[in-house]
Amino acid sequence: MPRGFQVRAASVTIVANLLFIAITTLMLLWLLHFREGVAFFSSSNPAKIFNLHPLLMVIGFILVGGQAMMIYKSVPKKRRSVKVVHLLLHLVALVAGVLGITAVFKSKKEAHLPDMYTLHSWLGISTICLFGLQYIMGFFSYFFPGAEMSTRASLMPWHRFMGMTIFLLAVATAETGLVQYFQFLHLFRSQEALIVNSTALLLFLYALFVAFSVTLPRK
């Protein structure tokens, strides 16, 4: 490739990290300023418990999960230590995802609303189940006890493919959730609508730059 057209993962990862900060800021502004804040599973207002759902799913599940995918391009390449950080970040994402789904089930139960009737909910359950399965398989194949080197090598393309597929599915799920929330609350032509739409757009760009970083050479 001509030198002028070369793009390295480091510069793309920096942009993704800036998007991480921007999305986190918008999410906190939206939920704390426009949506009355969040409650950790105990509140007289079910909406505050529900607000924990987008907070954990976007910041904890998607953004942290994206960081876990880019970690091999973000830090000096010491194989074992990078693998541990990759594993721990995905564990944080998994825990955040489970807690986020628990929050939405609890809030709907207290508000006497039905569960699992939208495309968003179907995609969400599918995503968290696939993520959990991917994590378990990756843990036993690459961390402990670890498969044979030949088996690891043969599984790696599938591990990367499934990881990216699940990540993009999570982003698509979040986008449908934001659209659903937008329409449910009738946020047309308001400051809150601007925040929600901007978050959705930046989330798409974050997914794009994460995928770009993962496929590019390290440096």
N, C-alpha and C. Protein backbone atom coordinates (compact mmCIF):
# COMPACT_ATOMS: atom_id res chain seq x y z
N MET A 1 0.85 -1.19 0.00
CA MET A 1 0.00 0.00 0.00
C MET A 1 0.89 1.24 0.00
N PRO A 2 0.59 2.26 -0.83
CA PRO A 2 1.38 3.49 -0.82
C PRO A 2 1.41 4.09 0.58
N ARG A 3 2.56 4.69 0.90
CA ARG A 3 2.75 5.20 2.26
C ARG A 3 1.68 6.22 2.65
N GLY A 4 1.26 7.05 1.70
CA GLY A 4 0.28 8.08 2.01
C GLY A 4 -1.09 7.54 2.38
N PHE A 5 -1.36 6.26 2.02
CA PHE A 5 -2.66 5.68 2.32
C PHE A 5 -2.63 4.74 3.51
N GLN A 6 -1.49 4.61 4.17
CA GLN A 6 -1.38 3.71 5.31
C GLN A 6 -2.05 4.33 6.54
N VAL A 7 -2.85 3.52 7.22
CA VAL A 7 -3.48 3.93 8.47
C VAL A 7 -3.14 2.88 9.51
N ARG A 8 -2.70 3.31 10.67
CA ARG A 8 -2.31 2.39 11.71
C ARG A 8 -3.37 2.36 12.81
N ALA A 9 -3.40 1.25 13.54
CA ALA A 9 -4.43 1.04 14.56
C ALA A 9 -4.35 2.08 15.67
N ALA A 10 -3.13 2.55 15.99
CA ALA A 10 -2.96 3.46 17.12
C ALA A 10 -3.79 4.74 16.96
N SER A 11 -3.73 5.36 15.78
CA SER A 11 -4.48 6.60 15.57
C SER A 11 -5.99 6.35 15.58
N VAL A 12 -6.41 5.24 15.03
CA VAL A 12 -7.84 4.91 15.02
C VAL A 12 -8.33 4.64 16.44
N THR A 13 -7.50 3.97 17.24
CA THR A 13 -7.86 3.67 18.62
C THR A 13 -8.01 4.94 19.44
N ILE A 14 -7.18 5.94 19.17
CA ILE A 14 -7.29 7.22 19.87
C ILE A 14 -8.64 7.86 19.60
N VAL A 15 -9.08 7.84 18.35
CA VAL A 15 -10.39 8.39 18.00
C VAL A 15 -11.50 7.63 18.72
N ALA A 16 -11.38 6.30 18.75
CA ALA A 16 -12.38 5.48 19.45
C ALA A 16 -12.43 5.83 20.93
N ASN A 17 -11.28 6.09 21.54
CA ASN A 17 -11.26 6.47 22.95
C ASN A 17 -11.90 7.83 23.19
N LEU A 18 -11.71 8.75 22.27
CA LEU A 18 -12.37 10.06 22.37
C LEU A 18 -13.89 9.90 22.25
N LEU A 19 -14.32 9.02 21.38
CA LEU A 19 -15.75 8.73 21.26
C LEU A 19 -16.29 8.09 22.52
N PHE A 20 -15.48 7.23 23.15
CA PHE A 20 -15.85 6.63 24.44
C PHE A 20 -16.17 7.72 25.46
N ILE A 21 -15.31 8.73 25.55
CA ILE A 21 -15.51 9.82 26.51
C ILE A 21 -16.76 10.62 26.16
N ALA A 22 -16.94 10.90 24.87
CA ALA A 22 -18.10 11.70 24.44
C ALA A 22 -19.41 10.97 24.72
N ILE A 23 -19.47 9.69 24.41
CA ILE A 23 -20.70 8.91 24.64
C ILE A 23 -21.00 8.81 26.12
N THR A 24 -19.98 8.56 26.92
CA THR A 24 -20.17 8.48 28.38
C THR A 24 -20.71 9.79 28.92
N THR A 25 -20.16 10.91 28.45
CA THR A 25 -20.62 12.23 28.90
C THR A 25 -22.08 12.46 28.53
N LEU A 26 -22.44 12.13 27.30
CA LEU A 26 -23.83 12.32 26.85
C LEU A 26 -24.79 11.42 27.62
N MET A 27 -24.40 10.18 27.88
CA MET A 27 -25.26 9.26 28.62
C MET A 27 -25.51 9.77 30.04
N LEU A 28 -24.46 10.23 30.71
CA LEU A 28 -24.61 10.74 32.07
C LEU A 28 -25.46 12.02 32.08
N LEU A 29 -25.22 12.89 31.10
CA LEU A 29 -26.03 14.11 31.00
C LEU A 29 -27.49 13.78 30.78
N TRP A 30 -27.75 12.84 29.88
CA TRP A 30 -29.13 12.46 29.59
C TRP A 30 -29.83 11.87 30.81
N LEU A 31 -29.23 10.87 31.44
CA LEU A 31 -29.90 10.15 32.52
C LEU A 31 -29.95 10.95 33.82
N LEU A 32 -28.93 11.73 34.11
CA LEU A 32 -28.90 12.47 35.37
C LEU A 32 -29.64 13.80 35.28
N HIS A 33 -29.59 14.43 34.12
CA HIS A 33 -30.23 15.75 33.99
C HIS A 33 -31.67 15.67 33.47
N PHE A 34 -31.90 14.84 32.45
CA PHE A 34 -33.22 14.79 31.82
C PHE A 34 -34.11 13.67 32.37
N ARG A 35 -33.53 12.61 32.91
CA ARG A 35 -34.29 11.44 33.32
C ARG A 35 -34.29 11.20 34.83
N GLU A 36 -33.93 12.17 35.63
CA GLU A 36 -34.03 12.13 37.10
C GLU A 36 -33.04 11.18 37.77
N GLY A 37 -32.04 10.71 37.05
CA GLY A 37 -31.01 9.89 37.67
C GLY A 37 -31.32 8.40 37.63
N VAL A 38 -30.49 7.62 38.32
CA VAL A 38 -30.63 6.17 38.34
C VAL A 38 -30.75 5.67 39.77
N ALA A 39 -31.33 4.50 39.92
CA ALA A 39 -31.44 3.84 41.23
C ALA A 39 -30.96 2.41 41.08
N PHE A 40 -30.20 1.95 42.06
CA PHE A 40 -29.64 0.61 42.00
C PHE A 40 -30.61 -0.42 42.60
N PHE A 41 -31.65 -0.72 41.81
CA PHE A 41 -32.60 -1.80 42.10
C PHE A 41 -33.53 -1.52 43.27
N SER A 42 -33.49 -0.35 43.86
CA SER A 42 -34.39 -0.05 44.97
C SER A 42 -34.82 1.41 44.89
N SER A 43 -36.08 1.64 44.49
CA SER A 43 -36.61 2.99 44.38
C SER A 43 -38.12 2.94 44.27
N SER A 44 -38.76 3.98 44.77
CA SER A 44 -40.21 4.07 44.62
C SER A 44 -40.59 4.46 43.20
N ASN A 45 -39.60 4.89 42.43
CA ASN A 45 -39.82 5.28 41.04
C ASN A 45 -39.20 4.24 40.11
N PRO A 46 -40.00 3.38 39.49
CA PRO A 46 -39.45 2.34 38.59
C PRO A 46 -38.62 2.90 37.45
N ALA A 47 -38.91 4.14 37.04
CA ALA A 47 -38.17 4.73 35.92
C ALA A 47 -36.70 4.90 36.26
N LYS A 48 -36.39 5.19 37.52
CA LYS A 48 -34.99 5.33 37.93
C LYS A 48 -34.26 3.99 37.87
N ILE A 49 -34.96 2.93 38.20
CA ILE A 49 -34.36 1.59 38.08
C ILE A 49 -34.14 1.26 36.60
N PHE A 50 -35.12 1.63 35.78
CA PHE A 50 -34.98 1.39 34.34
C PHE A 50 -33.79 2.15 33.76
N ASN A 51 -33.54 3.35 34.26
CA ASN A 51 -32.44 4.17 33.74
C ASN A 51 -31.08 3.49 33.93
N LEU A 52 -31.01 2.57 34.88
CA LEU A 52 -29.78 1.82 35.07
C LEU A 52 -29.50 0.93 33.85
N HIS A 53 -30.55 0.55 33.15
CA HIS A 53 -30.41 -0.33 31.99
C HIS A 53 -29.58 0.30 30.87
N PRO A 54 -29.97 1.48 30.33
CA PRO A 54 -29.13 2.07 29.27
C PRO A 54 -27.75 2.46 29.77
N LEU A 55 -27.65 2.86 31.03
CA LEU A 55 -26.34 3.23 31.58
C LEU A 55 -25.36 2.05 31.54
N LEU A 56 -25.81 0.91 32.04
CA LEU A 56 -24.94 -0.27 32.10
C LEU A 56 -24.73 -0.90 30.73
N MET A 57 -25.76 -0.91 29.91
CA MET A 57 -25.64 -1.58 28.62
C MET A 57 -24.74 -0.79 27.66
N VAL A 58 -24.86 0.52 27.67
CA VAL A 58 -24.05 1.33 26.75
C VAL A 58 -22.63 1.49 27.26
N ILE A 59 -22.49 1.99 28.50
CA ILE A 59 -21.14 2.26 29.02
C ILE A 59 -20.46 0.97 29.45
N GLY A 60 -21.15 0.16 30.25
CA GLY A 60 -20.52 -1.03 30.80
C GLY A 60 -20.36 -2.16 29.80
N PHE A 61 -21.39 -2.40 29.00
CA PHE A 61 -21.36 -3.55 28.09
C PHE A 61 -20.69 -3.22 26.76
N ILE A 62 -21.17 -2.17 26.08
CA ILE A 62 -20.67 -1.88 24.74
C ILE A 62 -19.32 -1.16 24.76
N LEU A 63 -19.24 -0.05 25.50
CA LEU A 63 -18.01 0.73 25.48
C LEU A 63 -16.83 -0.04 26.08
N VAL A 64 -17.06 -0.67 27.23
CA VAL A 64 -15.98 -1.45 27.85
C VAL A 64 -15.65 -2.67 26.99
N GLY A 65 -16.68 -3.29 26.41
CA GLY A 65 -16.44 -4.41 25.51
C GLY A 65 -15.60 -4.01 24.30
N GLY A 66 -15.84 -2.81 23.78
CA GLY A 66 -15.03 -2.31 22.68
C GLY A 66 -13.58 -2.09 23.09
N GLN A 67 -13.38 -1.58 24.29
CA GLN A 67 -12.02 -1.40 24.81
C GLN A 67 -11.30 -2.74 24.92
N ALA A 68 -12.03 -3.77 25.36
CA ALA A 68 -11.43 -5.11 25.47
C ALA A 68 -10.97 -5.61 24.11
N MET A 69 -11.72 -5.30 23.06
CA MET A 69 -11.34 -5.74 21.72
C MET A 69 -10.13 -4.99 21.20
N MET A 70 -10.00 -3.71 21.60
CA MET A 70 -8.90 -2.90 21.09
C MET A 70 -7.64 -2.99 21.93
N ILE A 71 -7.69 -3.70 23.06
CA ILE A 71 -6.59 -3.67 24.01
C ILE A 71 -5.29 -4.17 23.39
N TYR A 72 -5.40 -5.10 22.44
CA TYR A 72 -4.19 -5.62 21.80
C TYR A 72 -3.50 -4.57 20.93
N LYS A 73 -4.24 -3.51 20.56
CA LYS A 73 -3.66 -2.43 19.77
C LYS A 73 -3.37 -1.19 20.62
N SER A 74 -3.80 -1.19 21.89
CA SER A 74 -3.71 0.00 22.73
C SER A 74 -2.52 0.03 23.66
N VAL A 75 -2.02 -1.12 24.06
CA VAL A 75 -0.95 -1.20 25.04
C VAL A 75 0.24 -1.96 24.46
N PRO A 76 1.43 -1.79 25.06
CA PRO A 76 2.60 -2.56 24.59
C PRO A 76 2.30 -4.05 24.59
N LYS A 77 2.79 -4.72 23.58
CA LYS A 77 2.41 -6.12 23.34
C LYS A 77 3.19 -7.09 24.22
N LYS A 78 2.73 -7.27 25.45
CA LYS A 78 3.22 -8.33 26.31
C LYS A 78 2.09 -9.34 26.42
N ARG A 79 2.22 -10.41 25.72
CA ARG A 79 1.11 -11.32 25.41
C ARG A 79 0.27 -11.70 26.63
N ARG A 80 0.91 -12.18 27.69
CA ARG A 80 0.17 -12.68 28.84
C ARG A 80 -0.60 -11.57 29.55
N SER A 81 0.06 -10.45 29.80
CA SER A 81 -0.59 -9.36 30.52
C SER A 81 -1.74 -8.77 29.71
N VAL A 82 -1.56 -8.64 28.39
CA VAL A 82 -2.63 -8.11 27.54
C VAL A 82 -3.82 -9.06 27.53
N LYS A 83 -3.54 -10.35 27.51
CA LYS A 83 -4.61 -11.35 27.52
C LYS A 83 -5.43 -11.26 28.80
N VAL A 84 -4.76 -11.02 29.94
CA VAL A 84 -5.45 -10.91 31.22
C VAL A 84 -6.36 -9.68 31.22
N VAL A 85 -5.83 -8.55 30.73
CA VAL A 85 -6.64 -7.32 30.68
C VAL A 85 -7.83 -7.52 29.74
N HIS A 86 -7.61 -8.16 28.61
CA HIS A 86 -8.69 -8.48 27.66
C HIS A 86 -9.78 -9.30 28.36
N LEU A 87 -9.36 -10.29 29.12
CA LEU A 87 -10.30 -11.16 29.83
C LEU A 87 -11.07 -10.39 30.89
N LEU A 88 -10.37 -9.54 31.67
CA LEU A 88 -11.02 -8.80 32.76
C LEU A 88 -12.00 -7.76 32.23
N LEU A 89 -11.62 -7.07 31.16
CA LEU A 89 -12.53 -6.07 30.59
C LEU A 89 -13.80 -6.72 30.06
N HIS A 90 -13.65 -7.88 29.43
CA HIS A 90 -14.84 -8.59 28.97
C HIS A 90 -15.68 -9.10 30.14
N LEU A 91 -15.04 -9.45 31.24
CA LEU A 91 -15.79 -9.85 32.43
C LEU A 91 -16.60 -8.68 32.97
N VAL A 92 -15.99 -7.49 33.01
CA VAL A 92 -16.71 -6.29 33.43
C VAL A 92 -17.91 -6.05 32.53
N ALA A 93 -17.70 -6.20 31.21
CA ALA A 93 -18.79 -6.01 30.26
C ALA A 93 -19.91 -7.02 30.49
N LEU A 94 -19.54 -8.26 30.74
CA LEU A 94 -20.54 -9.31 30.96
C LEU A 94 -21.35 -9.04 32.22
N VAL A 95 -20.69 -8.67 33.31
CA VAL A 95 -21.39 -8.37 34.56
C VAL A 95 -22.31 -7.17 34.36
N ALA A 96 -21.81 -6.13 33.69
CA ALA A 96 -22.64 -4.95 33.42
C ALA A 96 -23.86 -5.32 32.59
N GLY A 97 -23.67 -6.19 31.59
CA GLY A 97 -24.79 -6.60 30.76
C GLY A 97 -25.85 -7.36 31.53
N VAL A 98 -25.42 -8.27 32.38
CA VAL A 98 -26.37 -9.05 33.19
C VAL A 98 -27.13 -8.14 34.14
N LEU A 99 -26.41 -7.21 34.80
CA LEU A 99 -27.07 -6.29 35.72
C LEU A 99 -28.01 -5.34 34.97
N GLY A 100 -27.62 -4.93 33.77
CA GLY A 100 -28.48 -4.05 32.98
C GLY A 100 -29.78 -4.72 32.58
N ILE A 101 -29.71 -5.98 32.20
CA ILE A 101 -30.92 -6.72 31.85
C ILE A 101 -31.77 -6.98 33.09
N THR A 102 -31.12 -7.28 34.20
CA THR A 102 -31.86 -7.47 35.46
C THR A 102 -32.62 -6.21 35.83
N ALA A 103 -31.99 -5.05 35.63
CA ALA A 103 -32.62 -3.78 35.97
C ALA A 103 -33.89 -3.55 35.16
N VAL A 104 -33.86 -3.86 33.86
CA VAL A 104 -35.04 -3.60 33.04
C VAL A 104 -36.17 -4.56 33.39
N PHE A 105 -35.84 -5.82 33.71
CA PHE A 105 -36.88 -6.76 34.13
C PHE A 105 -37.52 -6.30 35.45
N LYS A 106 -36.70 -5.83 36.37
CA LYS A 106 -37.21 -5.41 37.67
C LYS A 106 -38.09 -4.16 37.54
N SER A 107 -37.64 -3.21 36.75
CA SER A 107 -38.40 -1.97 36.59
C SER A 107 -39.75 -2.24 35.92
N LYS A 108 -39.77 -3.12 34.94
CA LYS A 108 -41.04 -3.44 34.27
C LYS A 108 -41.98 -4.22 35.19
N LYS A 109 -41.40 -5.06 36.02
CA LYS A 109 -42.23 -5.80 36.97
C LYS A 109 -42.90 -4.85 37.95
N GLU A 110 -42.14 -3.88 38.46
CA GLU A 110 -42.71 -2.93 39.42
C GLU A 110 -43.71 -1.98 38.76
N ALA A 111 -43.51 -1.71 37.46
CA ALA A 111 -44.44 -0.83 36.75
C ALA A 111 -45.58 -1.61 36.10
N HIS A 112 -45.59 -2.95 36.29
CA HIS A 112 -46.63 -3.83 35.74
C HIS A 112 -46.70 -3.73 34.21
N LEU A 113 -45.54 -3.78 33.58
CA LEU A 113 -45.44 -3.74 32.13
C LEU A 113 -44.99 -5.10 31.60
N PRO A 114 -45.41 -5.48 30.40
CA PRO A 114 -45.02 -6.79 29.84
C PRO A 114 -43.54 -6.82 29.43
N ASP A 115 -42.98 -8.02 29.39
CA ASP A 115 -41.58 -8.22 29.01
C ASP A 115 -41.49 -8.90 27.66
N MET A 116 -40.34 -8.72 27.01
CA MET A 116 -39.95 -9.51 25.84
C MET A 116 -40.99 -9.48 24.71
N TYR A 117 -41.43 -8.31 24.33
CA TYR A 117 -42.39 -8.22 23.24
C TYR A 117 -41.89 -7.36 22.08
N THR A 118 -40.66 -6.86 22.17
CA THR A 118 -40.12 -6.00 21.12
C THR A 118 -38.89 -6.65 20.48
N LEU A 119 -38.55 -6.18 19.28
CA LEU A 119 -37.33 -6.64 18.62
C LEU A 119 -36.11 -6.31 19.48
N HIS A 120 -36.13 -5.15 20.11
CA HIS A 120 -35.02 -4.74 20.97
C HIS A 120 -34.76 -5.76 22.07
N SER A 121 -35.82 -6.23 22.71
CA SER A 121 -35.65 -7.19 23.81
C SER A 121 -35.16 -8.54 23.29
N TRP A 122 -35.64 -8.95 22.13
CA TRP A 122 -35.18 -10.22 21.55
C TRP A 122 -33.69 -10.15 21.19
N LEU A 123 -33.31 -9.06 20.58
CA LEU A 123 -31.89 -8.87 20.23
C LEU A 123 -31.03 -8.81 21.49
N GLY A 124 -31.54 -8.14 22.52
CA GLY A 124 -30.77 -7.99 23.75
C GLY A 124 -30.49 -9.32 24.43
N ILE A 125 -31.51 -10.15 24.56
CA ILE A 125 -31.32 -11.46 25.19
C ILE A 125 -30.39 -12.33 24.35
N SER A 126 -30.56 -12.28 23.04
CA SER A 126 -29.69 -13.06 22.15
C SER A 126 -28.23 -12.61 22.30
N THR A 127 -28.02 -11.31 22.38
CA THR A 127 -26.67 -10.77 22.49
C THR A 127 -25.99 -11.20 23.78
N ILE A 128 -26.68 -11.07 24.91
CA ILE A 128 -26.04 -11.39 26.19
C ILE A 128 -25.78 -12.89 26.31
N CYS A 129 -26.67 -13.70 25.74
CA CYS A 129 -26.44 -15.16 25.76
C CYS A 129 -25.24 -15.54 24.90
N LEU A 130 -25.14 -14.96 23.71
CA LEU A 130 -24.01 -15.24 22.84
C LEU A 130 -22.71 -14.73 23.44
N PHE A 131 -22.77 -13.57 24.08
CA PHE A 131 -21.58 -13.02 24.72
C PHE A 131 -21.10 -13.93 25.84
N GLY A 132 -22.03 -14.41 26.67
CA GLY A 132 -21.67 -15.32 27.75
C GLY A 132 -21.05 -16.61 27.23
N LEU A 133 -21.64 -17.15 26.17
CA LEU A 133 -21.10 -18.38 25.58
C LEU A 133 -19.71 -18.14 25.00
N GLN A 134 -19.53 -17.01 24.31
CA GLN A 134 -18.23 -16.65 23.75
C GLN A 134 -17.18 -16.50 24.85
N TYR A 135 -17.58 -15.89 25.96
CA TYR A 135 -16.64 -15.68 27.06
C TYR A 135 -16.20 -17.01 27.67
N ILE A 136 -17.15 -17.89 27.90
CA ILE A 136 -16.83 -19.20 28.48
C ILE A 136 -15.90 -20.00 27.57
N MET A 137 -16.23 -20.02 26.29
CA MET A 137 -15.41 -20.77 25.34
C MET A 137 -14.01 -20.17 25.23
N GLY A 138 -13.94 -18.84 25.21
CA GLY A 138 -12.64 -18.18 25.13
C GLY A 138 -11.81 -18.40 26.38
N PHE A 139 -12.46 -18.40 27.55
CA PHE A 139 -11.74 -18.60 28.81
C PHE A 139 -11.09 -19.97 28.85
N PHE A 140 -11.84 -21.01 28.52
CA PHE A 140 -11.30 -22.37 28.60
C PHE A 140 -10.36 -22.69 27.44
N SER A 141 -10.50 -22.00 26.32
CA SER A 141 -9.64 -22.28 25.17
C SER A 141 -8.31 -21.55 25.24
N TYR A 142 -8.35 -20.27 25.73
CA TYR A 142 -7.15 -19.44 25.65
C TYR A 142 -6.54 -19.06 27.00
N PHE A 143 -7.27 -19.29 28.08
CA PHE A 143 -6.74 -18.86 29.38
C PHE A 143 -6.51 -20.03 30.33
N PHE A 144 -7.57 -20.70 30.73
CA PHE A 144 -7.43 -21.83 31.66
C PHE A 144 -8.48 -22.90 31.36
N PRO A 145 -8.08 -24.14 31.18
CA PRO A 145 -6.70 -24.64 31.20
C PRO A 145 -5.94 -24.36 29.91
N GLY A 146 -6.67 -23.96 28.86
CA GLY A 146 -6.01 -23.65 27.59
C GLY A 146 -5.92 -24.86 26.69
N ALA A 147 -6.30 -24.68 25.43
CA ALA A 147 -6.25 -25.77 24.46
C ALA A 147 -4.85 -25.89 23.87
N GLU A 148 -4.63 -26.93 23.10
CA GLU A 148 -3.36 -27.10 22.40
C GLU A 148 -3.14 -25.92 21.44
N MET A 149 -1.87 -25.63 21.18
CA MET A 149 -1.54 -24.49 20.33
C MET A 149 -2.19 -24.61 18.96
N SER A 150 -2.20 -25.80 18.40
CA SER A 150 -2.81 -25.99 17.08
C SER A 150 -4.31 -25.72 17.13
N THR A 151 -4.95 -26.14 18.23
CA THR A 151 -6.39 -25.90 18.38
C THR A 151 -6.68 -24.43 18.56
N ARG A 152 -5.84 -23.74 19.36
CA ARG A 152 -6.01 -22.30 19.54
C ARG A 152 -5.90 -21.57 18.21
N ALA A 153 -4.91 -21.95 17.43
CA ALA A 153 -4.70 -21.29 16.14
C ALA A 153 -5.90 -21.49 15.21
N SER A 154 -6.45 -22.69 15.20
CA SER A 154 -7.59 -22.97 14.33
C SER A 154 -8.86 -22.27 14.82
N LEU A 155 -8.97 -22.07 16.13
CA LEU A 155 -10.16 -21.42 16.69
C LEU A 155 -10.09 -19.90 16.62
N MET A 156 -8.88 -19.33 16.54
CA MET A 156 -8.73 -17.87 16.62
C MET A 156 -9.54 -17.10 15.59
N PRO A 157 -9.55 -17.48 14.30
CA PRO A 157 -10.38 -16.72 13.34
C PRO A 157 -11.85 -16.71 13.72
N TRP A 158 -12.34 -17.83 14.22
CA TRP A 158 -13.74 -17.91 14.64
C TRP A 158 -13.99 -17.09 15.91
N HIS A 159 -13.01 -17.11 16.81
CA HIS A 159 -13.12 -16.33 18.04
C HIS A 159 -13.22 -14.83 17.71
N ARG A 160 -12.38 -14.38 16.80
CA ARG A 160 -12.40 -12.97 16.41
C ARG A 160 -13.68 -12.62 15.65
N PHE A 161 -14.09 -13.50 14.75
CA PHE A 161 -15.30 -13.26 13.97
C PHE A 161 -16.53 -13.17 14.87
N MET A 162 -16.67 -14.13 15.80
CA MET A 162 -17.82 -14.13 16.69
C MET A 162 -17.78 -12.94 17.64
N GLY A 163 -16.58 -12.58 18.11
CA GLY A 163 -16.46 -11.42 18.98
C GLY A 163 -16.94 -10.15 18.30
N MET A 164 -16.50 -9.94 17.05
CA MET A 164 -16.94 -8.75 16.32
C MET A 164 -18.43 -8.80 16.00
N THR A 165 -18.93 -9.98 15.65
CA THR A 165 -20.36 -10.12 15.36
C THR A 165 -21.21 -9.78 16.57
N ILE A 166 -20.82 -10.29 17.73
CA ILE A 166 -21.58 -10.03 18.96
C ILE A 166 -21.50 -8.55 19.33
N PHE A 167 -20.32 -7.96 19.17
CA PHE A 167 -20.17 -6.53 19.46
C PHE A 167 -21.08 -5.68 18.58
N LEU A 168 -21.10 -5.96 17.28
CA LEU A 168 -21.95 -5.20 16.37
C LEU A 168 -23.43 -5.47 16.63
N LEU A 169 -23.76 -6.69 17.05
CA LEU A 169 -25.14 -6.99 17.43
C LEU A 169 -25.55 -6.19 18.66
N ALA A 170 -24.62 -6.04 19.61
CA ALA A 170 -24.89 -5.24 20.81
C ALA A 170 -25.15 -3.78 20.45
N VAL A 171 -24.36 -3.25 19.51
CA VAL A 171 -24.55 -1.86 19.08
C VAL A 171 -25.90 -1.72 18.37
N ALA A 172 -26.23 -2.66 17.50
CA ALA A 172 -27.53 -2.62 16.81
C ALA A 172 -28.68 -2.67 17.82
N THR A 173 -28.52 -3.49 18.85
CA THR A 173 -29.54 -3.59 19.90
C THR A 173 -29.70 -2.26 20.62
N ALA A 174 -28.58 -1.63 20.94
CA ALA A 174 -28.64 -0.33 21.61
C ALA A 174 -29.31 0.72 20.73
N GLU A 175 -29.02 0.70 19.45
CA GLU A 175 -29.64 1.67 18.54
C GLU A 175 -31.16 1.49 18.49
N THR A 176 -31.62 0.23 18.42
CA THR A 176 -33.06 0.00 18.43
C THR A 176 -33.68 0.42 19.75
N GLY A 177 -32.94 0.25 20.84
CA GLY A 177 -33.44 0.66 22.15
C GLY A 177 -33.58 2.17 22.25
N LEU A 178 -32.60 2.91 21.72
CA LEU A 178 -32.66 4.37 21.76
C LEU A 178 -33.80 4.89 20.89
N VAL A 179 -34.01 4.26 19.74
CA VAL A 179 -35.13 4.66 18.87
C VAL A 179 -36.46 4.37 19.57
N GLN A 180 -36.55 3.21 20.18
CA GLN A 180 -37.77 2.84 20.91
C GLN A 180 -38.05 3.80 22.05
N TYR A 181 -37.02 4.18 22.78
CA TYR A 181 -37.17 5.13 23.90
C TYR A 181 -37.58 6.50 23.38
N PHE A 182 -36.97 6.92 22.28
CA PHE A 182 -37.26 8.20 21.64
C PHE A 182 -38.74 8.29 21.29
N GLN A 183 -39.24 7.23 20.66
CA GLN A 183 -40.64 7.24 20.23
C GLN A 183 -41.60 7.12 21.40
N PHE A 184 -41.24 6.33 22.39
CA PHE A 184 -42.12 6.13 23.55
C PHE A 184 -42.32 7.42 24.33
N LEU A 185 -41.26 8.22 24.44
CA LEU A 185 -41.34 9.46 25.22
C LEU A 185 -41.68 10.67 24.38
N HIS A 186 -41.83 10.47 23.06
CA HIS A 186 -42.17 11.58 22.14
C HIS A 186 -41.17 12.73 22.28
N LEU A 187 -39.90 12.42 22.10
CA LEU A 187 -38.84 13.42 22.32
C LEU A 187 -38.57 14.25 21.06
N PHE A 188 -39.60 14.67 20.38
CA PHE A 188 -39.41 15.37 19.12
C PHE A 188 -39.04 16.83 19.36
N ARG A 189 -37.99 17.30 18.65
CA ARG A 189 -37.57 18.69 18.67
C ARG A 189 -37.38 19.22 20.09
N SER A 190 -36.56 18.55 20.84
CA SER A 190 -36.24 18.98 22.20
C SER A 190 -34.76 18.79 22.44
N GLN A 191 -34.27 19.37 23.53
CA GLN A 191 -32.86 19.18 23.88
C GLN A 191 -32.57 17.71 24.18
N GLU A 192 -33.50 17.04 24.82
CA GLU A 192 -33.31 15.63 25.13
C GLU A 192 -33.22 14.81 23.84
N ALA A 193 -34.03 15.15 22.86
CA ALA A 193 -33.97 14.45 21.57
C ALA A 193 -32.60 14.62 20.94
N LEU A 194 -32.03 15.81 21.05
CA LEU A 194 -30.70 16.05 20.51
C LEU A 194 -29.65 15.18 21.20
N ILE A 195 -29.78 15.03 22.52
CA ILE A 195 -28.85 14.20 23.29
C ILE A 195 -28.96 12.74 22.86
N VAL A 196 -30.19 12.25 22.77
CA VAL A 196 -30.42 10.84 22.42
C VAL A 196 -29.92 10.54 21.01
N ASN A 197 -30.26 11.40 20.06
CA ASN A 197 -29.82 11.19 18.68
C ASN A 197 -28.30 11.28 18.54
N SER A 198 -27.70 12.22 19.25
CA SER A 198 -26.25 12.36 19.20
C SER A 198 -25.57 11.13 19.80
N THR A 199 -26.12 10.61 20.87
CA THR A 199 -25.57 9.39 21.48
C THR A 199 -25.63 8.23 20.50
N ALA A 200 -26.76 8.08 19.83
CA ALA A 200 -26.92 6.99 18.86
C ALA A 200 -25.93 7.12 17.71
N LEU A 201 -25.74 8.34 17.23
CA LEU A 201 -24.81 8.56 16.12
C LEU A 201 -23.37 8.27 16.55
N LEU A 202 -22.97 8.76 17.72
CA LEU A 202 -21.61 8.54 18.21
C LEU A 202 -21.37 7.07 18.52
N LEU A 203 -22.41 6.38 18.95
CA LEU A 203 -22.29 4.94 19.22
C LEU A 203 -22.00 4.18 17.92
N PHE A 204 -22.67 4.58 16.86
CA PHE A 204 -22.39 3.98 15.56
C PHE A 204 -20.94 4.23 15.13
N LEU A 205 -20.48 5.46 15.31
CA LEU A 205 -19.10 5.79 14.95
C LEU A 205 -18.10 5.03 15.82
N TYR A 206 -18.43 4.86 17.10
CA TYR A 206 -17.56 4.08 17.98
C TYR A 206 -17.41 2.65 17.48
N ALA A 207 -18.51 2.04 17.11
CA ALA A 207 -18.47 0.67 16.57
C ALA A 207 -17.63 0.63 15.31
N LEU A 208 -17.76 1.64 14.47
CA LEU A 208 -16.99 1.69 13.22
C LEU A 208 -15.50 1.76 13.50
N PHE A 209 -15.10 2.62 14.44
CA PHE A 209 -13.68 2.78 14.73
C PHE A 209 -13.11 1.59 15.50
N VAL A 210 -13.92 0.95 16.34
CA VAL A 210 -13.45 -0.27 17.00
C VAL A 210 -13.18 -1.36 15.96
N ALA A 211 -14.11 -1.55 15.05
CA ALA A 211 -13.92 -2.56 14.00
C ALA A 211 -12.72 -2.21 13.13
N PHE A 212 -12.54 -0.95 12.83
CA PHE A 212 -11.40 -0.50 12.04
C PHE A 212 -10.09 -0.77 12.77
N SER A 213 -10.06 -0.46 14.07
CA SER A 213 -8.84 -0.66 14.87
C SER A 213 -8.46 -2.13 14.93
N VAL A 214 -9.44 -3.00 15.10
CA VAL A 214 -9.17 -4.43 15.23
C VAL A 214 -8.58 -5.01 13.95
N THR A 215 -9.00 -4.49 12.79
CA THR A 215 -8.55 -5.06 11.52
C THR A 215 -7.24 -4.47 11.02
N LEU A 216 -6.81 -3.32 11.57
CA LEU A 216 -5.60 -2.67 11.09
C LEU A 216 -4.35 -3.23 11.74
N PRO A 217 -3.18 -3.06 11.10
CA PRO A 217 -1.92 -3.46 11.73
C PRO A 217 -1.65 -2.63 12.96
N ARG A 218 -0.89 -3.18 13.90
CA ARG A 218 -0.65 -2.55 15.19
C ARG A 218 0.03 -1.21 15.07
N LYS A 219 1.12 -1.14 14.32
CA LYS A 219 1.84 0.13 14.17
C LYS A 219 2.71 0.09 12.93
